[in-house]
Structure formats: C-alpha cells, structure tokens
C-alpha atoms as a PDB file:
ATOM      1  CA  UNK A   1     137.970 110.986 120.774  1.00  0.00           C
ATOM      2  CA  UNK A   2     135.951 110.147 117.639  1.00  0.00           C
ATOM      3  CA  UNK A   3     133.204 112.213 116.230  1.00  0.00           C
ATOM      4  CA  UNK A   4     129.618 111.796 117.504  1.00  0.00           C
ATOM      5  CA  UNK A   5     127.668 109.423 115.447  1.00  0.00           C
ATOM      6  CA  UNK A   6     124.038 109.735 114.316  1.00  0.00           C
ATOM      7  CA  UNK A   7     121.824 106.832 115.394  1.00  0.00           C
ATOM      8  CA  UNK A   8     118.151 105.894 115.410  1.00  0.00           C
ATOM      9  CA  UNK A   9     116.097 106.338 118.573  1.00  0.00           C
ATOM     10  CA  UNK A  10     116.211 102.578 119.051  1.00  0.00           C
ATOM     11  CA  UNK A  11     119.985 102.359 119.016  1.00  0.00           C
ATOM     12  CA  UNK A  12     120.209 105.485 121.260  1.00  0.00           C
ATOM     13  CA  UNK A  13     117.970 103.718 123.798  1.00  0.00           C
ATOM     14  CA  UNK A  14     120.275 100.630 123.689  1.00  0.00           C
ATOM     15  CA  UNK A  15     123.343 102.897 124.168  1.00  0.00           C
ATOM     16  CA  UNK A  16     121.855 104.341 127.383  1.00  0.00           C
ATOM     17  CA  UNK A  17     119.838 101.322 128.570  1.00  0.00           C
ATOM     18  CA  UNK A  18     122.356 100.035 131.056  1.00  0.00           C
ATOM     19  CA  UNK A  19     123.659 101.497 134.283  1.00  0.00           C
ATOM     20  CA  UNK A  20     126.682 103.620 133.279  1.00  0.00           C
ATOM     21  CA  UNK A  21     128.084 103.630 136.791  1.00  0.00           C
ATOM     22  CA  UNK A  22     129.646 100.324 135.867  1.00  0.00           C
ATOM     23  CA  UNK A  23     132.822 100.068 133.981  1.00  0.00           C
ATOM     24  CA  UNK A  24     132.755 100.644 130.205  1.00  0.00           C
ATOM     25  CA  UNK A  25     133.525  97.078 129.656  1.00  0.00           C
ATOM     26  CA  UNK A  26     130.538  95.927 131.671  1.00  0.00           C
ATOM     27  CA  UNK A  27     128.236  98.274 129.708  1.00  0.00           C
ATOM     28  CA  UNK A  28     129.571  97.001 126.401  1.00  0.00           C
ATOM     29  CA  UNK A  29     129.116  93.378 127.551  1.00  0.00           C
ATOM     30  CA  UNK A  30     125.429  94.286 128.448  1.00  0.00           C
ATOM     31  CA  UNK A  31     124.907  95.790 124.987  1.00  0.00           C
ATOM     32  CA  UNK A  32     126.407  92.814 123.288  1.00  0.00           C
ATOM     33  CA  UNK A  33     124.136  90.466 125.229  1.00  0.00           C
ATOM     34  CA  UNK A  34     120.920  92.513 124.823  1.00  0.00           C
ATOM     35  CA  UNK A  35     118.036  90.696 123.311  1.00  0.00           C
ATOM     36  CA  UNK A  36     115.963  92.112 120.435  1.00  0.00           C
ATOM     37  CA  UNK A  37     118.732  93.920 118.560  1.00  0.00           C
ATOM     38  CA  UNK A  38     120.676  92.795 115.602  1.00  0.00           C
ATOM     39  CA  UNK A  39     124.546  92.925 115.382  1.00  0.00           C
ATOM     40  CA  UNK A  40     124.527  96.227 113.430  1.00  0.00           C
ATOM     41  CA  UNK A  41     122.384  97.889 116.074  1.00  0.00           C
ATOM     42  CA  UNK A  42     124.667  96.602 118.832  1.00  0.00           C
ATOM     43  CA  UNK A  43     127.760  97.793 117.052  1.00  0.00           C
ATOM     44  CA  UNK A  44     126.161 101.168 116.539  1.00  0.00           C
ATOM     45  CA  UNK A  45     125.161 101.334 120.207  1.00  0.00           C
ATOM     46  CA  UNK A  46     128.678 100.529 121.403  1.00  0.00           C
ATOM     47  CA  UNK A  47     130.111 103.230 119.119  1.00  0.00           C
ATOM     48  CA  UNK A  48     127.441 105.712 120.397  1.00  0.00           C
ATOM     49  CA  UNK A  49     128.174 104.789 124.092  1.00  0.00           C
ATOM     50  CA  UNK A  50     131.921 105.282 123.588  1.00  0.00           C
ATOM     51  CA  UNK A  51     131.982 108.352 121.348  1.00  0.00           C
ATOM     52  CA  UNK A  52     128.646 110.100 121.963  1.00  0.00           C
ATOM     53  CA  UNK A  53     125.742 110.390 119.606  1.00  0.00           C
ATOM     54  CA  UNK A  54     122.976 112.447 118.131  1.00  0.00           C
ATOM     55  CA  UNK A  55     119.566 110.901 117.466  1.00  0.00           C
ATOM     56  CA  UNK A  56     118.654 110.960 113.786  1.00  0.00           C
ATOM     57  CA  UNK A  57     115.569 112.967 113.015  1.00  0.00           C
ATOM     58  CA  UNK A  58     112.677 110.972 111.571  1.00  0.00           C
ATOM     59  CA  UNK A  59     110.819 112.437 108.532  1.00  0.00           C
ATOM     60  CA  UNK A  60     108.003 113.132 111.077  1.00  0.00           C
ATOM     61  CA  UNK A  61     110.377 115.128 113.255  1.00  0.00           C
ATOM     62  CA  UNK A  62     111.473 117.219 110.344  1.00  0.00           C
ATOM     63  CA  UNK A  63     107.943 117.913 109.252  1.00  0.00           C
ATOM     64  CA  UNK A  64     107.116 118.936 112.753  1.00  0.00           C
ATOM     65  CA  UNK A  65     110.063 121.399 112.863  1.00  0.00           C
ATOM     66  CA  UNK A  66     109.026 123.029 109.549  1.00  0.00           C
ATOM     67  CA  UNK A  67     105.469 123.288 110.756  1.00  0.00           C
ATOM     68  CA  UNK A  68     106.404 124.670 114.104  1.00  0.00           C
ATOM     69  CA  UNK A  69     108.764 127.258 112.601  1.00  0.00           C
ATOM     70  CA  UNK A  70     106.044 128.424 110.166  1.00  0.00           C
ATOM     71  CA  UNK A  71     103.544 128.559 112.976  1.00  0.00           C
ATOM     72  CA  UNK A  72     105.924 130.654 115.128  1.00  0.00           C
ATOM     73  CA  UNK A  73     106.541 133.052 112.237  1.00  0.00           C
ATOM     74  CA  UNK A  74     102.752 133.266 111.533  1.00  0.00           C
ATOM     75  CA  UNK A  75     102.088 134.133 115.143  1.00  0.00           C
ATOM     76  CA  UNK A  76     104.822 136.843 115.188  1.00  0.00           C
ATOM     77  CA  UNK A  77     103.081 138.501 112.178  1.00  0.00           C
ATOM     78  CA  UNK A  78     106.173 140.448 111.110  1.00  0.00           C
ATOM     79  CA  UNK A  79     104.592 141.414 107.800  1.00  0.00           C
ATOM     80  CA  UNK A  80     101.254 140.711 106.262  1.00  0.00           C
ATOM     81  CA  UNK A  81     102.643 138.874 103.230  1.00  0.00           C
ATOM     82  CA  UNK A  82     105.070 136.819 105.376  1.00  0.00           C
ATOM     83  CA  UNK A  83     102.236 135.963 107.755  1.00  0.00           C
ATOM     84  CA  UNK A  84     100.001 134.719 104.901  1.00  0.00           C
ATOM     85  CA  UNK A  85     102.866 132.585 103.572  1.00  0.00           C
ATOM     86  CA  UNK A  86     103.507 130.931 106.941  1.00  0.00           C
ATOM     87  CA  UNK A  87      99.778 130.364 107.463  1.00  0.00           C
ATOM     88  CA  UNK A  88      99.695 128.754 104.006  1.00  0.00           C
ATOM     89  CA  UNK A  89     102.703 126.535 104.921  1.00  0.00           C
ATOM     90  CA  UNK A  90     100.882 125.309 108.094  1.00  0.00           C
ATOM     91  CA  UNK A  91      97.629 124.735 106.215  1.00  0.00           C
ATOM     92  CA  UNK A  92      99.373 122.812 103.503  1.00  0.00           C
ATOM     93  CA  UNK A  93     101.231 120.573 105.909  1.00  0.00           C
ATOM     94  CA  UNK A  94      98.078 119.799 107.835  1.00  0.00           C
ATOM     95  CA  UNK A  95      96.018 119.162 104.674  1.00  0.00           C
ATOM     96  CA  UNK A  96      98.737 116.835 103.218  1.00  0.00           C
ATOM     97  CA  UNK A  97      99.066 114.879 106.431  1.00  0.00           C
ATOM     98  CA  UNK A  98      95.311 114.478 106.676  1.00  0.00           C
ATOM     99  CA  UNK A  99      95.010 113.360 103.070  1.00  0.00           C
ATOM    100  CA  UNK A 100      97.725 110.739 103.799  1.00  0.00           C
ATOM    101  CA  UNK A 101      96.128 109.754 107.036  1.00  0.00           C
ATOM    102  CA  UNK A 102      99.320 110.539 108.882  1.00  0.00           C
ATOM    103  CA  UNK A 103      99.268 111.890 112.416  1.00  0.00           C
ATOM    104  CA  UNK A 104     102.116 113.902 113.835  1.00  0.00           C
ATOM    105  CA  UNK A 105     102.001 115.232 117.403  1.00  0.00           C
ATOM    106  CA  UNK A 106     102.041 118.936 117.541  1.00  0.00           C
ATOM    107  CA  UNK A 107     100.970 119.301 113.916  1.00  0.00           C
ATOM    108  CA  UNK A 108      97.660 117.597 113.275  1.00  0.00           C
ATOM    109  CA  UNK A 109      97.220 115.538 116.493  1.00  0.00           C
END
C-alpha cells in the first residue's frame, strides 16, 4: 500500500463524496465524472481514495494551532516568565490578524 498523500480540503471532500459501499471502480468513476474539479484534483482524489490521505493545514490552521498552544500554556501558568511570554504570543497574533483584517475562528473571531 502506498503512503498517505496530503491533499487540500476540497480534494479530501471529493475523495469522500461518493458512497464507498460501492465498488472501488464505481467510486473512481464517480470522481472522474464529478463536475467542478480539474483533472489534477480528480487524480489527487483518486489517489487519496485508494491510499488514504491527510488534509493539508492551511496557514490559518497553523496560526490557530500556535495561538491555541500559547493560550493553553498561558492558562497553565507554569512560571511567571513563561506565562508572560505566552500571553505576548497570543496578543501579538491577535493584533497582527486585526491589523491585516483577517479573522480566524478560535483566535480573533
């Protein structure tokens, strides 16, 4: 079996869109005939369907993870200096996103 591939959320949705109780051939045919996807996305979806996949993290996902980790560490307050650092990380991320007018759920939305 091949290694899991990393795909976008859109490709992951295509890979899981059709009823997998049908044969693999039927699912692949459905993916090939799906409207609204280019050939590259269809090829990636077939590969993901056959070999498994992980959804690529968007930059927003990565920012949210850093923020949530700092927030968790801030709330734990293991040490005063570490707590201040993590609070600063959270403030910096929120300020930057606000200045750029970017909203990320769980961070500044």
